[in-house]
Amino acid sequence: MSSRIDRRTRWQKLLAEQQASGLSIVDWCWRQGIKEHSFYSWQRKLAAPVLPAEPRWLAVLPDAAAPASGLTLRVGHIAVEVVPGFDPRLLAEVLTVLESRC
């Protein structure tokens, strides 16, 4: 794992050096003896967000504007409100339909 971090750190430094040099990527890579395709590959990798190795739980906090006695489930542009006295069978049917379309 540390060798991957070491390579990532090394390439972050190299990309910064190229940018600070004022040289084109082609010229800078030639002077450094670095293959252009490696430079571009690392440039893409480092521009992408780093995702955690393992999934993590996301805290779900209640909506301050929602009444304390109900619940609103939002997925994209779809919102399902569950209020006291709801019909559990109806909610199950709605969730089944939503699940089949997601």
PDB file of N, CA and C in Angstrom:
ATOM      1  N   MET A   1       0.826  -1.194   0.000  1.00  0.00           N
ATOM      2  CA  MET A   1       0.000   0.000   0.000  1.00  0.00           C
ATOM      3  C   MET A   1       0.865   1.249   0.000  1.00  0.00           C
ATOM      4  N   SER A   2       1.943   1.238   0.781  1.00  0.00           N
ATOM      5  CA  SER A   2       2.774   2.442   0.856  1.00  0.00           C
ATOM      6  C   SER A   2       3.465   2.728  -0.464  1.00  0.00           C
ATOM      7  N   SER A   3       3.764   1.678  -1.244  1.00  0.00           N
ATOM      8  CA  SER A   3       4.401   1.935  -2.545  1.00  0.00           C
ATOM      9  C   SER A   3       3.429   2.651  -3.478  1.00  0.00           C
ATOM     10  N   ARG A   4       2.124   2.349  -3.359  1.00  0.00           N
ATOM     11  CA  ARG A   4       1.130   3.047  -4.175  1.00  0.00           C
ATOM     12  C   ARG A   4       1.043   4.502  -3.745  1.00  0.00           C
ATOM     13  N   ILE A   5       1.083   4.749  -2.459  1.00  0.00           N
ATOM     14  CA  ILE A   5       1.048   6.120  -1.945  1.00  0.00           C
ATOM     15  C   ILE A   5       2.314   6.862  -2.349  1.00  0.00           C
ATOM     16  N   ASP A   6       3.460   6.171  -2.291  1.00  0.00           N
ATOM     17  CA  ASP A   6       4.728   6.788  -2.698  1.00  0.00           C
ATOM     18  C   ASP A   6       4.698   7.198  -4.169  1.00  0.00           C
ATOM     19  N   ARG A   7       4.175   6.311  -5.035  1.00  0.00           N
ATOM     20  CA  ARG A   7       4.085   6.638  -6.463  1.00  0.00           C
ATOM     21  C   ARG A   7       3.142   7.813  -6.684  1.00  0.00           C
ATOM     22  N   ARG A   8       2.016   7.786  -5.983  1.00  0.00           N
ATOM     23  CA  ARG A   8       1.039   8.876  -6.126  1.00  0.00           C
ATOM     24  C   ARG A   8       1.676  10.204  -5.710  1.00  0.00           C
ATOM     25  N   THR A   9       2.382  10.213  -4.594  1.00  0.00           N
ATOM     26  CA  THR A   9       3.051  11.423  -4.112  1.00  0.00           C
ATOM     27  C   THR A   9       4.120  11.875  -5.089  1.00  0.00           C
ATOM     28  N   ARG A  10       4.880  10.927  -5.619  1.00  0.00           N
ATOM     29  CA  ARG A  10       5.938  11.256  -6.587  1.00  0.00           C
ATOM     30  C   ARG A  10       5.334  11.918  -7.824  1.00  0.00           C
ATOM     31  N   TRP A  11       4.246  11.340  -8.339  1.00  0.00           N
ATOM     32  CA  TRP A  11       3.641  11.901  -9.548  1.00  0.00           C
ATOM     33  C   TRP A  11       2.953  13.241  -9.283  1.00  0.00           C
ATOM     34  N   GLN A  12       2.420  13.430  -8.108  1.00  0.00           N
ATOM     35  CA  GLN A  12       1.852  14.743  -7.774  1.00  0.00           C
ATOM     36  C   GLN A  12       2.951  15.800  -7.840  1.00  0.00           C
ATOM     37  N   LYS A  13       4.120  15.437  -7.307  1.00  0.00           N
ATOM     38  CA  LYS A  13       5.263  16.354  -7.334  1.00  0.00           C
ATOM     39  C   LYS A  13       5.719  16.614  -8.774  1.00  0.00           C
ATOM     40  N   LEU A  14       5.799  15.551  -9.590  1.00  0.00           N
ATOM     41  CA  LEU A  14       6.232  15.716 -10.976  1.00  0.00           C
ATOM     42  C   LEU A  14       5.264  16.587 -11.773  1.00  0.00           C
ATOM     43  N   LEU A  15       3.965  16.387 -11.587  1.00  0.00           N
ATOM     44  CA  LEU A  15       2.980  17.197 -12.303  1.00  0.00           C
ATOM     45  C   LEU A  15       3.098  18.668 -11.904  1.00  0.00           C
ATOM     46  N   ALA A  16       3.339  18.912 -10.618  1.00  0.00           N
ATOM     47  CA  ALA A  16       3.516  20.292 -10.152  1.00  0.00           C
ATOM     48  C   ALA A  16       4.782  20.905 -10.736  1.00  0.00           C
ATOM     49  N   GLU A  17       5.856  20.115 -10.818  1.00  0.00           N
ATOM     50  CA  GLU A  17       7.107  20.608 -11.392  1.00  0.00           C
ATOM     51  C   GLU A  17       6.925  20.978 -12.862  1.00  0.00           C
ATOM     52  N   GLN A  18       6.209  20.135 -13.594  1.00  0.00           N
ATOM     53  CA  GLN A  18       5.975  20.440 -15.010  1.00  0.00           C
ATOM     54  C   GLN A  18       5.188  21.728 -15.147  1.00  0.00           C
ATOM     55  N   GLN A  19       4.162  21.866 -14.361  1.00  0.00           N
ATOM     56  CA  GLN A  19       3.330  23.075 -14.454  1.00  0.00           C
ATOM     57  C   GLN A  19       4.141  24.317 -14.106  1.00  0.00           C
ATOM     58  N   ALA A  20       4.985  24.223 -13.099  1.00  0.00           N
ATOM     59  CA  ALA A  20       5.794  25.369 -12.684  1.00  0.00           C
ATOM     60  C   ALA A  20       6.928  25.673 -13.664  1.00  0.00           C
ATOM     61  N   SER A  21       7.305  24.686 -14.477  1.00  0.00           N
ATOM     62  CA  SER A  21       8.442  24.870 -15.383  1.00  0.00           C
ATOM     63  C   SER A  21       8.159  25.836 -16.527  1.00  0.00           C
ATOM     64  N   GLY A  22       6.892  25.956 -16.902  1.00  0.00           N
ATOM     65  CA  GLY A  22       6.550  26.796 -18.044  1.00  0.00           C
ATOM     66  C   GLY A  22       6.774  26.099 -19.379  1.00  0.00           C
ATOM     67  N   LEU A  23       7.288  24.881 -19.342  1.00  0.00           N
ATOM     68  CA  LEU A  23       7.512  24.109 -20.572  1.00  0.00           C
ATOM     69  C   LEU A  23       6.238  23.366 -20.953  1.00  0.00           C
ATOM     70  N   SER A  24       6.155  23.030 -22.227  1.00  0.00           N
ATOM     71  CA  SER A  24       5.043  22.179 -22.647  1.00  0.00           C
ATOM     72  C   SER A  24       5.262  20.796 -22.040  1.00  0.00           C
ATOM     73  N   ILE A  25       4.197  20.029 -21.979  1.00  0.00           N
ATOM     74  CA  ILE A  25       4.315  18.677 -21.426  1.00  0.00           C
ATOM     75  C   ILE A  25       5.296  17.850 -22.248  1.00  0.00           C
ATOM     76  N   VAL A  26       5.227  17.969 -23.563  1.00  0.00           N
ATOM     77  CA  VAL A  26       6.123  17.216 -24.453  1.00  0.00           C
ATOM     78  C   VAL A  26       7.585  17.558 -24.151  1.00  0.00           C
ATOM     79  N   ASP A  27       7.913  18.853 -24.101  1.00  0.00           N
ATOM     80  CA  ASP A  27       9.295  19.274 -23.838  1.00  0.00           C
ATOM     81  C   ASP A  27       9.743  18.857 -22.443  1.00  0.00           C
ATOM     82  N   TRP A  28       8.889  19.069 -21.468  1.00  0.00           N
ATOM     83  CA  TRP A  28       9.260  18.742 -20.088  1.00  0.00           C
ATOM     84  C   TRP A  28       9.508  17.242 -19.943  1.00  0.00           C
ATOM     85  N   CYS A  29       8.612  16.423 -20.496  1.00  0.00           N
ATOM     86  CA  CYS A  29       8.788  14.967 -20.410  1.00  0.00           C
ATOM     87  C   CYS A  29      10.082  14.526 -21.107  1.00  0.00           C
ATOM     88  N   TRP A  30      10.370  15.112 -22.270  1.00  0.00           N
ATOM     89  CA  TRP A  30      11.588  14.760 -22.986  1.00  0.00           C
ATOM     90  C   TRP A  30      12.818  15.084 -22.142  1.00  0.00           C
ATOM     91  N   ARG A  31      12.836  16.268 -21.522  1.00  0.00           N
ATOM     92  CA  ARG A  31      13.986  16.671 -20.700  1.00  0.00           C
ATOM     93  C   ARG A  31      14.139  15.812 -19.450  1.00  0.00           C
ATOM     94  N   GLN A  32      13.018  15.325 -18.929  1.00  0.00           N
ATOM     95  CA  GLN A  32      13.057  14.508 -17.714  1.00  0.00           C
ATOM     96  C   GLN A  32      13.217  13.015 -17.991  1.00  0.00           C
ATOM     97  N   GLY A  33      13.099  12.649 -19.274  1.00  0.00           N
ATOM     98  CA  GLY A  33      13.187  11.226 -19.627  1.00  0.00           C
ATOM     99  C   GLY A  33      11.943  10.455 -19.210  1.00  0.00           C
ATOM    100  N   ILE A  34      10.814  11.128 -19.234  1.00  0.00           N
ATOM    101  CA  ILE A  34       9.541  10.516 -18.839  1.00  0.00           C
ATOM    102  C   ILE A  34       8.693  10.322 -20.085  1.00  0.00           C
ATOM    103  N   LYS A  35       8.062   9.171 -20.194  1.00  0.00           N
ATOM    104  CA  LYS A  35       7.194   8.903 -21.341  1.00  0.00           C
ATOM    105  C   LYS A  35       5.917   9.719 -21.207  1.00  0.00           C
ATOM    106  N   GLU A  36       5.538  10.349 -22.315  1.00  0.00           N
ATOM    107  CA  GLU A  36       4.352  11.216 -22.300  1.00  0.00           C
ATOM    108  C   GLU A  36       3.101  10.466 -21.880  1.00  0.00           C
ATOM    109  N   HIS A  37       2.947   9.233 -22.359  1.00  0.00           N
ATOM    110  CA  HIS A  37       1.731   8.494 -22.016  1.00  0.00           C
ATOM    111  C   HIS A  37       1.656   8.240 -20.506  1.00  0.00           C
ATOM    112  N   SER A  38       2.798   8.049 -19.858  1.00  0.00           N
ATOM    113  CA  SER A  38       2.799   7.886 -18.401  1.00  0.00           C
ATOM    114  C   SER A  38       2.366   9.187 -17.715  1.00  0.00           C
ATOM    115  N   PHE A  39       2.891  10.296 -18.225  1.00  0.00           N
ATOM    116  CA  PHE A  39       2.532  11.599 -17.663  1.00  0.00           C
ATOM    117  C   PHE A  39       1.027  11.828 -17.764  1.00  0.00           C
ATOM    118  N   TYR A  40       0.471  11.621 -18.973  1.00  0.00           N
ATOM    119  CA  TYR A  40      -0.960  11.851 -19.179  1.00  0.00           C
ATOM    120  C   TYR A  40      -1.810  10.881 -18.357  1.00  0.00           C
ATOM    121  N   SER A  41      -1.348   9.656 -18.236  1.00  0.00           N
ATOM    122  CA  SER A  41      -2.080   8.663 -17.442  1.00  0.00           C
ATOM    123  C   SER A  41      -2.172   9.100 -15.984  1.00  0.00           C
ATOM    124  N   TRP A  42      -1.033   9.549 -15.425  1.00  0.00           N
ATOM    125  CA  TRP A  42      -1.039  10.006 -14.032  1.00  0.00           C
ATOM    126  C   TRP A  42      -1.812  11.313 -13.884  1.00  0.00           C
ATOM    127  N   GLN A  43      -1.789  12.135 -14.878  1.00  0.00           N
ATOM    128  CA  GLN A  43      -2.557  13.383 -14.826  1.00  0.00           C
ATOM    129  C   GLN A  43      -4.049  13.066 -14.699  1.00  0.00           C
ATOM    130  N   ARG A  44      -4.509  12.076 -15.467  1.00  0.00           N
ATOM    131  CA  ARG A  44      -5.922  11.659 -15.388  1.00  0.00           C
ATOM    132  C   ARG A  44      -6.229  11.033 -14.031  1.00  0.00           C
ATOM    133  N   LYS A  45      -5.342  10.138 -13.576  1.00  0.00           N
ATOM    134  CA  LYS A  45      -5.567   9.466 -12.289  1.00  0.00           C
ATOM    135  C   LYS A  45      -5.670  10.467 -11.145  1.00  0.00           C
ATOM    136  N   LEU A  46      -4.782  11.440 -11.152  1.00  0.00           N
ATOM    137  CA  LEU A  46      -4.752  12.385 -10.036  1.00  0.00           C
ATOM    138  C   LEU A  46      -5.863  13.425 -10.126  1.00  0.00           C
ATOM    139  N   ALA A  47      -6.441  13.595 -11.305  1.00  0.00           N
ATOM    140  CA  ALA A  47      -7.559  14.525 -11.447  1.00  0.00           C
ATOM    141  C   ALA A  47      -8.854  13.879 -10.961  1.00  0.00           C
ATOM    142  N   ALA A  48      -8.920  12.541 -10.982  1.00  0.00           N
ATOM    143  CA  ALA A  48     -10.121  11.830 -10.551  1.00  0.00           C
ATOM    144  C   ALA A  48     -10.181  11.824  -9.029  1.00  0.00           C
ATOM    145  N   PRO A  49     -11.375  11.888  -8.479  1.00  0.00           N
ATOM    146  CA  PRO A  49     -11.491  11.842  -7.022  1.00  0.00           C
ATOM    147  C   PRO A  49     -11.028  10.494  -6.487  1.00  0.00           C
ATOM    148  N   VAL A  50     -10.399  10.510  -5.348  1.00  0.00           N
ATOM    149  CA  VAL A  50      -9.924   9.286  -4.717  1.00  0.00           C
ATOM    150  C   VAL A  50     -11.074   8.714  -3.895  1.00  0.00           C
ATOM    151  N   LEU A  51     -11.469   7.500  -4.219  1.00  0.00           N
ATOM    152  CA  LEU A  51     -12.557   6.857  -3.503  1.00  0.00           C
ATOM    153  C   LEU A  51     -11.993   6.000  -2.383  1.00  0.00           C
ATOM    154  N   PRO A  52     -12.706   5.901  -1.274  1.00  0.00           N
ATOM    155  CA  PRO A  52     -12.214   5.055  -0.191  1.00  0.00           C
ATOM    156  C   PRO A  52     -12.173   3.591  -0.635  1.00  0.00           C
ATOM    157  N   ALA A  53     -11.249   2.838  -0.088  1.00  0.00           N
ATOM    158  CA  ALA A  53     -11.090   1.437  -0.457  1.00  0.00           C
ATOM    159  C   ALA A  53     -12.314   0.616  -0.066  1.00  0.00           C
ATOM    160  N   GLU A  54     -12.957   0.968   1.022  1.00  0.00           N
ATOM    161  CA  GLU A  54     -14.128   0.246   1.490  1.00  0.00           C
ATOM    162  C   GLU A  54     -15.307   1.201   1.555  1.00  0.00           C
ATOM    163  N   PRO A  55     -16.520   0.692   1.307  1.00  0.00           N
ATOM    164  CA  PRO A  55     -17.692   1.566   1.434  1.00  0.00           C
ATOM    165  C   PRO A  55     -17.839   2.047   2.871  1.00  0.00           C
ATOM    166  N   ARG A  56     -18.382   3.211   3.023  1.00  0.00           N
ATOM    167  CA  ARG A  56     -18.581   3.772   4.363  1.00  0.00           C
ATOM    168  C   ARG A  56     -20.049   4.129   4.537  1.00  0.00           C
ATOM    169  N   TRP A  57     -20.504   4.089   5.754  1.00  0.00           N
ATOM    170  CA  TRP A  57     -21.877   4.461   6.055  1.00  0.00           C
ATOM    171  C   TRP A  57     -22.017   5.968   5.977  1.00  0.00           C
ATOM    172  N   LEU A  58     -23.147   6.395   5.511  1.00  0.00           N
ATOM    173  CA  LEU A  58     -23.452   7.815   5.416  1.00  0.00           C
ATOM    174  C   LEU A  58     -24.510   8.130   6.454  1.00  0.00           C
ATOM    175  N   ALA A  59     -24.250   9.120   7.278  1.00  0.00           N
ATOM    176  CA  ALA A  59     -25.221   9.517   8.290  1.00  0.00           C
ATOM    177  C   ALA A  59     -26.408  10.184   7.614  1.00  0.00           C
ATOM    178  N   VAL A  60     -27.597   9.812   8.041  1.00  0.00           N
ATOM    179  CA  VAL A  60     -28.816  10.425   7.527  1.00  0.00           C
ATOM    180  C   VAL A  60     -29.407  11.258   8.652  1.00  0.00           C
ATOM    181  N   LEU A  61     -29.448  12.555   8.421  1.00  0.00           N
ATOM    182  CA  LEU A  61     -29.948  13.466   9.434  1.00  0.00           C
ATOM    183  C   LEU A  61     -31.352  13.917   9.073  1.00  0.00           C
ATOM    184  N   PRO A  62     -32.196  14.119  10.062  1.00  0.00           N
ATOM    185  CA  PRO A  62     -33.554  14.561   9.762  1.00  0.00           C
ATOM    186  C   PRO A  62     -33.556  15.954   9.153  1.00  0.00           C
ATOM    187  N   ASP A  63     -34.497  16.181   8.263  1.00  0.00           N
ATOM    188  CA  ASP A  63     -34.691  17.478   7.633  1.00  0.00           C
ATOM    189  C   ASP A  63     -35.289  18.420   8.668  1.00  0.00           C
ATOM    190  N   ALA A  64     -34.630  19.538   8.929  1.00  0.00           N
ATOM    191  CA  ALA A  64     -35.093  20.475   9.956  1.00  0.00           C
ATOM    192  C   ALA A  64     -36.470  21.040   9.624  1.00  0.00           C
ATOM    193  N   ALA A  65     -36.805  21.132   8.338  1.00  0.00           N
ATOM    194  CA  ALA A  65     -38.090  21.700   7.942  1.00  0.00           C
ATOM    195  C   ALA A  65     -39.222  20.681   8.023  1.00  0.00           C
ATOM    196  N   ALA A  66     -38.897  19.388   8.083  1.00  0.00           N
ATOM    197  CA  ALA A  66     -39.925  18.358   8.110  1.00  0.00           C
ATOM    198  C   ALA A  66     -40.514  18.234   9.510  1.00  0.00           C
ATOM    199  N   PRO A  67     -41.797  17.944   9.584  1.00  0.00           N
ATOM    200  CA  PRO A  67     -42.400  17.760  10.904  1.00  0.00           C
ATOM    201  C   PRO A  67     -41.789  16.550  11.597  1.00  0.00           C
ATOM    202  N   ALA A  68     -41.624  16.631  12.901  1.00  0.00           N
ATOM    203  CA  ALA A  68     -40.984  15.568  13.672  1.00  0.00           C
ATOM    204  C   ALA A  68     -41.794  14.278  13.654  1.00  0.00           C
ATOM    205  N   SER A  69     -43.049  14.354  13.283  1.00  0.00           N
ATOM    206  CA  SER A  69     -43.900  13.174  13.322  1.00  0.00           C
ATOM    207  C   SER A  69     -43.947  12.416  11.999  1.00  0.00           C
ATOM    208  N   GLY A  70     -43.207  12.868  10.996  1.00  0.00           N
ATOM    209  CA  GLY A  70     -43.233  12.197   9.698  1.00  0.00           C
ATOM    210  C   GLY A  70     -41.846  11.957   9.164  1.00  0.00           C
ATOM    211  N   LEU A  71     -41.805  11.374   7.979  1.00  0.00           N
ATOM    212  CA  LEU A  71     -40.536  11.042   7.346  1.00  0.00           C
ATOM    213  C   LEU A  71     -40.676  11.272   5.849  1.00  0.00           C
ATOM    214  N   THR A  72     -39.653  11.876   5.241  1.00  0.00           N
ATOM    215  CA  THR A  72     -39.630  12.045   3.790  1.00  0.00           C
ATOM    216  C   THR A  72     -38.403  11.340   3.246  1.00  0.00           C
ATOM    217  N   LEU A  73     -38.630  10.405   2.336  1.00  0.00           N
ATOM    218  CA  LEU A  73     -37.540   9.697   1.668  1.00  0.00           C
ATOM    219  C   LEU A  73     -37.333  10.353   0.313  1.00  0.00           C
ATOM    220  N   ARG A  74     -36.100  10.776   0.021  1.00  0.00           N
ATOM    221  CA  ARG A  74     -35.800  11.413  -1.258  1.00  0.00           C
ATOM    222  C   ARG A  74     -34.700  10.629  -1.969  1.00  0.00           C
ATOM    223  N   VAL A  75     -34.973  10.302  -3.232  1.00  0.00           N
ATOM    224  CA  VAL A  75     -33.985   9.664  -4.092  1.00  0.00           C
ATOM    225  C   VAL A  75     -34.067  10.389  -5.423  1.00  0.00           C
ATOM    226  N   GLY A  76     -33.025  11.176  -5.725  1.00  0.00           N
ATOM    227  CA  GLY A  76     -33.047  11.985  -6.939  1.00  0.00           C
ATOM    228  C   GLY A  76     -34.188  12.981  -6.861  1.00  0.00           C
ATOM    229  N   HIS A  77     -35.050  12.976  -7.856  1.00  0.00           N
ATOM    230  CA  HIS A  77     -36.167  13.916  -7.874  1.00  0.00           C
ATOM    231  C   HIS A  77     -37.446  13.311  -7.294  1.00  0.00           C
ATOM    232  N   ILE A  78     -37.364  12.097  -6.770  1.00  0.00           N
ATOM    233  CA  ILE A  78     -38.533  11.419  -6.202  1.00  0.00           C
ATOM    234  C   ILE A  78     -38.531  11.600  -4.690  1.00  0.00           C
ATOM    235  N   ALA A  79     -39.701  11.952  -4.140  1.00  0.00           N
ATOM    236  CA  ALA A  79     -39.857  12.088  -2.699  1.00  0.00           C
ATOM    237  C   ALA A  79     -41.081  11.297  -2.262  1.00  0.00           C
ATOM    238  N   VAL A  80     -40.927  10.526  -1.198  1.00  0.00           N
ATOM    239  CA  VAL A  80     -42.032   9.758  -0.633  1.00  0.00           C
ATOM    240  C   VAL A  80     -42.195  10.215   0.809  1.00  0.00           C
ATOM    241  N   GLU A  81     -43.382  10.726   1.139  1.00  0.00           N
ATOM    242  CA  GLU A  81     -43.653  11.177   2.505  1.00  0.00           C
ATOM    243  C   GLU A  81     -44.395  10.084   3.264  1.00  0.00           C
ATOM    244  N   VAL A  82     -43.901   9.793   4.444  1.00  0.00           N
ATOM    245  CA  VAL A  82     -44.537   8.818   5.320  1.00  0.00           C
ATOM    246  C   VAL A  82     -44.957   9.575   6.574  1.00  0.00           C
ATOM    247  N   VAL A  83     -46.251   9.583   6.835  1.00  0.00           N
ATOM    248  CA  VAL A  83     -46.789  10.336   7.978  1.00  0.00           C
ATOM    249  C   VAL A  83     -47.454   9.366   8.950  1.00  0.00           C
ATOM    250  N   PRO A  84     -47.653   9.784  10.177  1.00  0.00           N
ATOM    251  CA  PRO A  84     -48.338   8.907  11.129  1.00  0.00           C
ATOM    252  C   PRO A  84     -49.686   8.459  10.560  1.00  0.00           C
ATOM    253  N   GLY A  85     -49.985   7.184  10.754  1.00  0.00           N
ATOM    254  CA  GLY A  85     -51.234   6.630  10.247  1.00  0.00           C
ATOM    255  C   GLY A  85     -51.139   6.159   8.807  1.00  0.00           C
ATOM    256  N   PHE A  86     -49.900   6.087   8.237  1.00  0.00           N
ATOM    257  CA  PHE A  86     -49.745   5.655   6.847  1.00  0.00           C
ATOM    258  C   PHE A  86     -50.192   4.211   6.680  1.00  0.00           C
ATOM    259  N   ASP A  87     -50.485   3.849   5.443  1.00  0.00           N
ATOM    260  CA  ASP A  87     -50.895   2.490   5.093  1.00  0.00           C
ATOM    261  C   ASP A  87     -49.637   1.696   4.737  1.00  0.00           C
ATOM    262  N   PRO A  88     -49.199   0.781   5.597  1.00  0.00           N
ATOM    263  CA  PRO A  88     -47.971   0.028   5.336  1.00  0.00           C
ATOM    264  C   PRO A  88     -48.024  -0.751   4.013  1.00  0.00           C
ATOM    265  N   ARG A  89     -49.182  -1.268   3.653  1.00  0.00           N
ATOM    266  CA  ARG A  89     -49.314  -2.018   2.407  1.00  0.00           C
ATOM    267  C   ARG A  89     -49.088  -1.104   1.204  1.00  0.00           C
ATOM    268  N   LEU A  90     -49.650   0.094   1.255  1.00  0.00           N
ATOM    269  CA  LEU A  90     -49.459   1.054   0.175  1.00  0.00           C
ATOM    270  C   LEU A  90     -47.988   1.447   0.055  1.00  0.00           C
ATOM    271  N   LEU A  91     -47.339   1.714   1.186  1.00  0.00           N
ATOM    272  CA  LEU A  91     -45.916   2.057   1.157  1.00  0.00           C
ATOM    273  C   LEU A  91     -45.101   0.919   0.545  1.00  0.00           C
ATOM    274  N   ALA A  92     -45.392  -0.336   0.921  1.00  0.00           N
ATOM    275  CA  ALA A  92     -44.679  -1.490   0.365  1.00  0.00           C
ATOM    276  C   ALA A  92     -44.868  -1.562  -1.146  1.00  0.00           C
ATOM    277  N   GLU A  93     -46.081  -1.295  -1.620  1.00  0.00           N
ATOM    278  CA  GLU A  93     -46.345  -1.321  -3.060  1.00  0.00           C
ATOM    279  C   GLU A  93     -45.572  -0.213  -3.783  1.00  0.00           C
ATOM    280  N   VAL A  94     -45.556   0.976  -3.206  1.00  0.00           N
ATOM    281  CA  VAL A  94     -44.820   2.103  -3.809  1.00  0.00           C
ATOM    282  C   VAL A  94     -43.329   1.777  -3.875  1.00  0.00           C
ATOM    283  N   LEU A  95     -42.783   1.245  -2.785  1.00  0.00           N
ATOM    284  CA  LEU A  95     -41.356   0.923  -2.771  1.00  0.00           C
ATOM    285  C   LEU A  95     -41.028  -0.184  -3.763  1.00  0.00           C
ATOM    286  N   THR A  96     -41.938  -1.147  -3.928  1.00  0.00           N
ATOM    287  CA  THR A  96     -41.724  -2.221  -4.907  1.00  0.00           C
ATOM    288  C   THR A  96     -41.666  -1.648  -6.322  1.00  0.00           C
ATOM    289  N   VAL A  97     -42.557  -0.737  -6.640  1.00  0.00           N
ATOM    290  CA  VAL A  97     -42.550  -0.100  -7.963  1.00  0.00           C
ATOM    291  C   VAL A  97     -41.270   0.701  -8.163  1.00  0.00           C
ATOM    292  N   LEU A  98     -40.886   1.490  -7.159  1.00  0.00           N
ATOM    293  CA  LEU A  98     -39.660   2.280  -7.273  1.00  0.00           C
ATOM    294  C   LEU A  98     -38.435   1.393  -7.424  1.00  0.00           C
ATOM    295  N   GLU A  99     -38.396   0.317  -6.657  1.00  0.00           N
ATOM    296  CA  GLU A  99     -37.253  -0.602  -6.716  1.00  0.00           C
ATOM    297  C   GLU A  99     -37.128  -1.221  -8.108  1.00  0.00           C
ATOM    298  N   SER A 100     -38.230  -1.545  -8.727  1.00  0.00           N
ATOM    299  CA  SER A 100     -38.181  -2.178 -10.044  1.00  0.00           C
ATOM    300  C   SER A 100     -37.708  -1.213 -11.122  1.00  0.00           C
ATOM    301  N   ARG A 101     -37.801   0.090 -10.877  1.00  0.00           N
ATOM    302  CA  ARG A 101     -37.397   1.087 -11.871  1.00  0.00           C
ATOM    303  C   ARG A 101     -36.010   1.655 -11.625  1.00  0.00           C
ATOM    304  N   CYS A 102     -35.407   1.377 -10.503  1.00  0.00           N
ATOM    305  CA  CYS A 102     -34.079   1.938 -10.178  1.00  0.00           C
ATOM    306  C   CYS A 102     -32.992   0.957 -10.527  1.00  0.00           C
TER     307      CYS A 102
END
